[in-house]
Amino acid sequence: MDISGSYTFNAAPSRVWALLMDPAAIASCIPGCESLEAEGPDRYRARLTVALAAITGTYDGTVVISDRVDNASYRLTVEGQGRPGFVKGNASIALRPDGNSTIVEVSGTVQTGGPIARVGQRLISGVSKMMQDRFFACLQGKVGDQAS
């Protein structure tokens, strides 16, 4: 399943980048995130609880940042497993200046397996998009909280 989105932040790319690289800010904006802890440079262990239709479960996994170009782009690789099955994904995140704003463009793929995959791609796709939109809306609210 493909994921994509474009989100406008009322801040310079350097401020948006700092927010995207702040594990505390990221964790507070991921729906259902219980923890996000550094395991090394650009590598994190995560725990999320996600409810999808009649299937609710906790996922333990890893998040890795690679191909990092400061203030411009990076790649995220995510793998998680729990009772409801597994989730694997990768996404490219690019920051583009636009006047006094920054546009963050996201594109990637997500793969699921196990019981969660049986609820249907359309439902999983809708929930994935909703979670992504909530995440970026939360970050957009935080960008004003950062010191310049």
Protein backbone atom coordinates (compact mmCIF):
# COMPACT_ATOMS: atom_id res chain seq x y z
CA MET A 1 0.00 0.00 0.00
CA ASP A 2 1.31 3.44 -0.93
CA ILE A 3 1.26 6.40 1.43
CA SER A 4 1.76 10.06 0.58
CA GLY A 5 1.00 13.52 1.78
CA SER A 6 2.06 17.13 1.67
CA TYR A 7 2.05 19.34 4.77
CA THR A 8 2.78 23.06 5.08
CA PHE A 9 4.58 24.43 8.14
CA ASN A 10 4.74 28.15 8.88
CA ALA A 11 8.46 28.05 9.63
CA ALA A 12 11.85 27.83 7.95
CA PRO A 13 13.17 24.37 6.96
CA SER A 14 15.75 24.44 9.76
CA ARG A 15 13.00 24.80 12.41
CA VAL A 16 10.87 22.06 10.83
CA TRP A 17 13.93 19.81 10.55
CA ALA A 18 14.78 20.32 14.24
CA LEU A 19 11.24 19.28 15.14
CA LEU A 20 11.35 16.20 12.88
CA MET A 21 14.61 15.14 14.55
CA ASP A 22 13.33 15.65 18.13
CA PRO A 23 12.35 12.22 19.55
CA ALA A 24 10.22 13.75 22.33
CA ALA A 25 8.22 15.84 19.86
CA ILE A 26 7.87 12.91 17.48
CA ALA A 27 6.70 10.53 20.23
CA SER A 28 4.15 13.03 21.52
CA CYS A 29 2.63 13.33 18.03
CA ILE A 30 2.49 9.68 16.95
CA PRO A 31 -1.05 8.42 17.66
CA GLY A 32 -0.87 5.56 20.16
CA CYS A 33 2.87 5.96 20.84
CA GLU A 34 3.76 4.64 24.28
CA SER A 35 7.54 5.02 23.92
CA LEU A 36 10.25 6.04 21.47
CA GLU A 37 13.76 5.47 22.79
CA ALA A 38 17.12 5.94 21.08
CA GLU A 39 19.11 2.75 20.48
CA GLY A 40 21.92 4.50 18.64
CA PRO A 41 22.47 7.24 16.11
CA ASP A 42 19.32 7.56 13.98
CA ARG A 43 17.88 4.29 15.37
CA TYR A 44 14.93 4.07 17.79
CA ARG A 45 12.89 1.40 19.54
CA ALA A 46 9.18 2.17 19.52
CA ARG A 47 6.02 0.84 21.15
CA LEU A 48 2.58 1.75 19.79
CA THR A 49 -0.95 0.67 20.54
CA VAL A 50 -3.19 0.80 17.50
CA ALA A 51 -6.91 0.06 17.23
CA LEU A 52 -8.15 -0.96 13.81
CA ALA A 53 -11.76 -2.15 13.56
CA ALA A 54 -12.10 -5.03 16.05
CA ILE A 55 -8.33 -5.53 16.25
CA THR A 56 -6.45 -3.62 18.90
CA GLY A 57 -2.87 -4.41 19.68
CA THR A 58 0.52 -3.26 20.74
CA TYR A 59 3.42 -3.22 18.33
CA ASP A 60 7.09 -3.25 19.29
CA GLY A 61 9.49 -2.24 16.58
CA THR A 62 12.31 -0.16 15.24
CA VAL A 63 12.53 3.14 13.39
CA VAL A 64 15.68 3.90 11.41
CA ILE A 65 16.60 7.20 9.75
CA SER A 66 18.89 6.94 6.73
CA ASP A 67 20.00 8.89 3.66
CA ARG A 68 19.91 12.01 5.80
CA VAL A 69 20.53 15.38 4.16
CA ASP A 70 20.24 17.92 6.99
CA ASN A 71 17.38 20.41 6.61
CA ALA A 72 16.34 18.78 3.31
CA SER A 73 15.42 15.07 3.34
CA TYR A 74 15.72 11.62 4.89
CA ARG A 75 14.36 8.09 4.61
CA LEU A 76 12.46 6.32 7.39
CA THR A 77 12.37 2.54 7.68
CA VAL A 78 9.88 1.13 10.18
CA GLU A 79 9.33 -2.46 11.28
CA GLY A 80 6.94 -3.55 14.00
CA GLN A 81 5.40 -6.75 15.28
CA GLY A 82 2.67 -7.58 17.75
CA ARG A 83 -0.26 -9.92 18.30
CA PRO A 84 -2.25 -8.30 15.47
CA GLY A 85 0.53 -9.09 12.99
CA PHE A 86 3.39 -7.14 11.50
CA VAL A 87 3.92 -3.79 9.83
CA LYS A 88 6.85 -2.85 7.60
CA GLY A 89 7.27 0.40 5.82
CA ASN A 90 9.57 2.97 4.39
CA ALA A 91 9.05 6.57 3.48
CA SER A 92 10.96 9.43 1.94
CA ILE A 93 10.50 12.76 3.66
CA ALA A 94 11.54 15.93 1.84
CA LEU A 95 11.46 19.53 3.06
CA ARG A 96 11.00 22.27 0.48
CA PRO A 97 11.18 25.99 1.29
CA ASP A 98 8.17 27.97 0.08
CA GLY A 99 8.52 31.64 0.94
CA ASN A 100 8.33 31.90 4.74
CA SER A 101 6.94 28.37 4.97
CA THR A 102 8.22 24.83 4.50
CA ILE A 103 6.41 22.09 2.65
CA VAL A 104 7.03 18.57 3.92
CA GLU A 105 6.35 15.91 1.31
CA VAL A 106 5.98 12.27 2.32
CA SER A 107 5.87 9.25 0.04
CA GLY A 108 6.36 5.60 0.81
CA THR A 109 4.94 2.13 1.17
CA VAL A 110 3.49 0.09 4.02
CA GLN A 111 3.13 -3.68 4.16
CA THR A 112 1.06 -5.57 6.76
CA GLY A 113 0.65 -9.24 7.57
CA GLY A 114 -1.21 -11.43 10.02
CA PRO A 115 -4.68 -10.75 11.46
CA ILE A 116 -4.43 -7.00 10.87
CA ALA A 117 -3.96 -7.56 7.13
CA ARG A 118 -7.24 -9.47 6.98
CA VAL A 119 -9.33 -6.41 7.93
CA GLY A 120 -8.85 -5.10 4.42
CA GLN A 121 -6.53 -2.78 2.57
CA ARG A 122 -9.11 0.00 2.25
CA LEU A 123 -9.59 0.18 6.02
CA ILE A 124 -5.84 -0.02 6.71
CA SER A 125 -5.18 2.65 4.10
CA GLY A 126 -7.75 5.00 5.63
CA VAL A 127 -6.42 4.54 9.16
CA SER A 128 -2.81 5.00 7.95
CA LYS A 129 -3.72 8.28 6.24
CA MET A 130 -5.64 9.47 9.31
CA MET A 131 -2.68 8.67 11.60
CA GLN A 132 -0.27 10.43 9.24
CA ASP A 133 -2.50 13.52 9.03
CA ARG A 134 -2.88 13.63 12.84
CA PHE A 135 0.88 13.27 13.29
CA PHE A 136 1.67 16.19 10.98
CA ALA A 137 -1.14 18.36 12.38
CA CYS A 138 0.35 17.85 15.84
CA LEU A 139 3.83 18.77 14.58
CA GLN A 140 2.42 21.84 12.81
CA GLY A 141 1.07 22.97 16.18
CA LYS A 142 4.44 22.41 17.84
CA VAL A 143 6.46 24.39 15.30
CA GLY A 144 5.16 27.59 16.86
CA ASP A 145 6.22 26.35 20.30
CA GLN A 146 9.88 26.06 19.28
CA ALA A 147 12.24 28.88 20.06
CA SER A 148 13.54 30.64 16.98
